[in-house]
Amino acid sequence: MSAFAFLGAALAEIAGCFAFWAWLRLGKSPVWIAPGILSLCLFAYLLTLPTSDQAGRSYAAYGGVYIASAVLWLWLVEDAKPDRWDLLGAAVCLIGAAIIYFGPRTATIG
């Protein structure tokens, strides 16, 4: 469930931000703002669904999924093929996200 929530959140966040990018940077109509806002609201909702006891840990793990999804968006939507550094960076981020999200937890000192 968490993986689907993270992927959905990434798509919603990227699409919402892209709507603003299209309006401000690509000269698209201000009408793009409304679906952008709705998409960003969906992103926020989806990010509440993963099963994590702490929001910060969930957000940190999501960051890796977001980065990999943004590279995929670059390729599929913007038609710009990722280079090896894009792919390596995304892979490192996904590994980091997995460590954060799935790492064993022990009692903290303090």
C-alpha atoms as a PDB file:
ATOM      1  CA  MET A   1       0.000   0.000   0.000  1.00  0.00           C
ATOM      2  CA  SER A   2       2.782   2.448   0.899  1.00  0.00           C
ATOM      3  CA  ALA A   3       4.506   2.022  -2.453  1.00  0.00           C
ATOM      4  CA  PHE A   4       1.279   2.847  -4.315  1.00  0.00           C
ATOM      5  CA  ALA A   5       0.637   5.839  -2.051  1.00  0.00           C
ATOM      6  CA  PHE A   6       4.187   7.127  -2.626  1.00  0.00           C
ATOM      7  CA  LEU A   7       3.937   6.645  -6.396  1.00  0.00           C
ATOM      8  CA  GLY A   8       0.520   8.294  -6.537  1.00  0.00           C
ATOM      9  CA  ALA A   9       1.731  11.159  -4.366  1.00  0.00           C
ATOM     10  CA  ALA A  10       4.752  11.653  -6.609  1.00  0.00           C
ATOM     11  CA  LEU A  11       2.620  11.737  -9.743  1.00  0.00           C
ATOM     12  CA  ALA A  12       0.159  14.161  -8.136  1.00  0.00           C
ATOM     13  CA  GLU A  13       2.920  16.436  -6.829  1.00  0.00           C
ATOM     14  CA  ILE A  14       4.852  16.509 -10.084  1.00  0.00           C
ATOM     15  CA  ALA A  15       1.690  17.073 -12.134  1.00  0.00           C
ATOM     16  CA  GLY A  16       0.547  19.854  -9.793  1.00  0.00           C
ATOM     17  CA  CYS A  17       3.898  21.591  -9.857  1.00  0.00           C
ATOM     18  CA  PHE A  18       4.153  21.120 -13.624  1.00  0.00           C
ATOM     19  CA  ALA A  19       0.784  22.866 -14.028  1.00  0.00           C
ATOM     20  CA  PHE A  20       2.271  25.956 -12.362  1.00  0.00           C
ATOM     21  CA  TRP A  21       5.477  25.560 -14.406  1.00  0.00           C
ATOM     22  CA  ALA A  22       3.409  25.423 -17.603  1.00  0.00           C
ATOM     23  CA  TRP A  23       1.513  28.571 -16.629  1.00  0.00           C
ATOM     24  CA  LEU A  24       4.516  30.605 -15.470  1.00  0.00           C
ATOM     25  CA  ARG A  25       7.323  29.288 -17.663  1.00  0.00           C
ATOM     26  CA  LEU A  26       5.623  27.950 -20.777  1.00  0.00           C
ATOM     27  CA  GLY A  27       3.028  30.689 -21.190  1.00  0.00           C
ATOM     28  CA  LYS A  28       0.010  28.421 -20.730  1.00  0.00           C
ATOM     29  CA  SER A  29      -3.370  29.771 -19.638  1.00  0.00           C
ATOM     30  CA  PRO A  30      -3.979  30.592 -15.943  1.00  0.00           C
ATOM     31  CA  VAL A  31      -6.682  27.917 -16.171  1.00  0.00           C
ATOM     32  CA  TRP A  32      -3.833  25.441 -15.540  1.00  0.00           C
ATOM     33  CA  ILE A  33      -3.737  26.658 -11.909  1.00  0.00           C
ATOM     34  CA  ALA A  34      -7.025  24.968 -10.867  1.00  0.00           C
ATOM     35  CA  PRO A  35      -6.033  21.387 -11.769  1.00  0.00           C
ATOM     36  CA  GLY A  36      -2.593  22.119 -10.352  1.00  0.00           C
ATOM     37  CA  ILE A  37      -4.082  23.017  -6.976  1.00  0.00           C
ATOM     38  CA  LEU A  38      -6.342  19.953  -6.997  1.00  0.00           C
ATOM     39  CA  SER A  39      -3.400  17.746  -7.872  1.00  0.00           C
ATOM     40  CA  LEU A  40      -1.325  19.188  -5.022  1.00  0.00           C
ATOM     41  CA  CYS A  41      -4.220  18.576  -2.592  1.00  0.00           C
ATOM     42  CA  LEU A  42      -4.368  14.953  -3.773  1.00  0.00           C
ATOM     43  CA  PHE A  43      -0.607  14.706  -3.230  1.00  0.00           C
ATOM     44  CA  ALA A  44      -0.959  15.876   0.382  1.00  0.00           C
ATOM     45  CA  TYR A  45      -3.766  13.390   1.044  1.00  0.00           C
ATOM     46  CA  LEU A  46      -1.902  10.450  -0.505  1.00  0.00           C
ATOM     47  CA  LEU A  47       1.157  11.178   1.607  1.00  0.00           C
ATOM     48  CA  THR A  48      -0.933  10.521   4.750  1.00  0.00           C
ATOM     49  CA  LEU A  49      -1.651   6.912   3.696  1.00  0.00           C
ATOM     50  CA  PRO A  50       1.704   5.102   4.145  1.00  0.00           C
ATOM     51  CA  THR A  51       2.026   3.076   7.317  1.00  0.00           C
ATOM     52  CA  SER A  52       4.702   4.902   9.256  1.00  0.00           C
ATOM     53  CA  ASP A  53       4.574   5.987  12.881  1.00  0.00           C
ATOM     54  CA  GLN A  54       6.299   9.301  12.145  1.00  0.00           C
ATOM     55  CA  ALA A  55       5.399  11.731   9.389  1.00  0.00           C
ATOM     56  CA  GLY A  56       9.001  12.887   8.952  1.00  0.00           C
ATOM     57  CA  ARG A  57      10.256   9.362   8.289  1.00  0.00           C
ATOM     58  CA  SER A  58       7.487   8.809   5.754  1.00  0.00           C
ATOM     59  CA  TYR A  59       8.272  12.136   4.043  1.00  0.00           C
ATOM     60  CA  ALA A  60      11.988  11.339   3.940  1.00  0.00           C
ATOM     61  CA  ALA A  61      11.353   7.942   2.345  1.00  0.00           C
ATOM     62  CA  TYR A  62       8.907   9.554  -0.090  1.00  0.00           C
ATOM     63  CA  GLY A  63      11.667  11.939  -1.197  1.00  0.00           C
ATOM     64  CA  GLY A  64      13.538   9.103  -2.892  1.00  0.00           C
ATOM     65  CA  VAL A  65      10.419   7.959  -4.716  1.00  0.00           C
ATOM     66  CA  TYR A  66       9.726  11.562  -5.753  1.00  0.00           C
ATOM     67  CA  ILE A  67      13.198  11.962  -7.251  1.00  0.00           C
ATOM     68  CA  ALA A  68      12.962   8.720  -9.232  1.00  0.00           C
ATOM     69  CA  SER A  69       9.471   9.697 -10.412  1.00  0.00           C
ATOM     70  CA  ALA A  70      10.696  13.129 -11.486  1.00  0.00           C
ATOM     71  CA  VAL A  71      13.380  11.502 -13.643  1.00  0.00           C
ATOM     72  CA  LEU A  72      10.707   9.266 -15.158  1.00  0.00           C
ATOM     73  CA  TRP A  73       8.509  12.356 -15.778  1.00  0.00           C
ATOM     74  CA  LEU A  74      11.483  14.030 -17.481  1.00  0.00           C
ATOM     75  CA  TRP A  75      11.687  11.108 -19.858  1.00  0.00           C
ATOM     76  CA  LEU A  76       8.008  10.281 -20.496  1.00  0.00           C
ATOM     77  CA  VAL A  77       6.343  13.700 -20.341  1.00  0.00           C
ATOM     78  CA  GLU A  78       9.084  16.143 -21.262  1.00  0.00           C
ATOM     79  CA  ASP A  79      10.681  13.784 -23.798  1.00  0.00           C
ATOM     80  CA  ALA A  80      14.190  14.330 -22.436  1.00  0.00           C
ATOM     81  CA  LYS A  81      16.094  11.077 -22.047  1.00  0.00           C
ATOM     82  CA  PRO A  82      17.740  10.795 -18.612  1.00  0.00           C
ATOM     83  CA  ASP A  83      21.498  10.386 -18.683  1.00  0.00           C
ATOM     84  CA  ARG A  84      23.491   7.957 -16.557  1.00  0.00           C
ATOM     85  CA  TRP A  85      23.898  10.545 -13.799  1.00  0.00           C
ATOM     86  CA  ASP A  86      20.132  11.049 -13.583  1.00  0.00           C
ATOM     87  CA  LEU A  87      19.647   7.296 -13.327  1.00  0.00           C
ATOM     88  CA  LEU A  88      22.468   6.780 -10.828  1.00  0.00           C
ATOM     89  CA  GLY A  89      21.213   9.619  -8.655  1.00  0.00           C
ATOM     90  CA  ALA A  90      17.662   8.264  -8.702  1.00  0.00           C
ATOM     91  CA  ALA A  91      18.922   4.781  -7.789  1.00  0.00           C
ATOM     92  CA  VAL A  92      20.936   6.134  -4.855  1.00  0.00           C
ATOM     93  CA  CYS A  93      17.866   8.038  -3.649  1.00  0.00           C
ATOM     94  CA  LEU A  94      15.673   4.935  -3.853  1.00  0.00           C
ATOM     95  CA  ILE A  95      18.228   2.948  -1.870  1.00  0.00           C
ATOM     96  CA  GLY A  96      18.291   5.709   0.741  1.00  0.00           C
ATOM     97  CA  ALA A  97      14.497   5.794   0.857  1.00  0.00           C
ATOM     98  CA  ALA A  98      14.365   2.032   1.410  1.00  0.00           C
ATOM     99  CA  ILE A  99      16.906   2.254   4.233  1.00  0.00           C
ATOM    100  CA  ILE A 100      14.915   5.008   5.935  1.00  0.00           C
ATOM    101  CA  TYR A 101      11.521   3.350   5.523  1.00  0.00           C
ATOM    102  CA  PHE A 102      12.384  -0.317   6.117  1.00  0.00           C
ATOM    103  CA  GLY A 103      15.350  -0.022   8.485  1.00  0.00           C
ATOM    104  CA  PRO A 104      14.966  -1.804  11.817  1.00  0.00           C
ATOM    105  CA  ARG A 105      14.071   0.520  14.661  1.00  0.00           C
ATOM    106  CA  THR A 106      15.506   0.311  18.155  1.00  0.00           C
ATOM    107  CA  ALA A 107      14.868   2.396  21.215  1.00  0.00           C
ATOM    108  CA  THR A 108      16.548   5.763  21.028  1.00  0.00           C
ATOM    109  CA  ILE A 109      18.947   7.039  23.647  1.00  0.00           C
ATOM    110  CA  GLY A 110      17.996  10.251  25.265  1.00  0.00           C
END
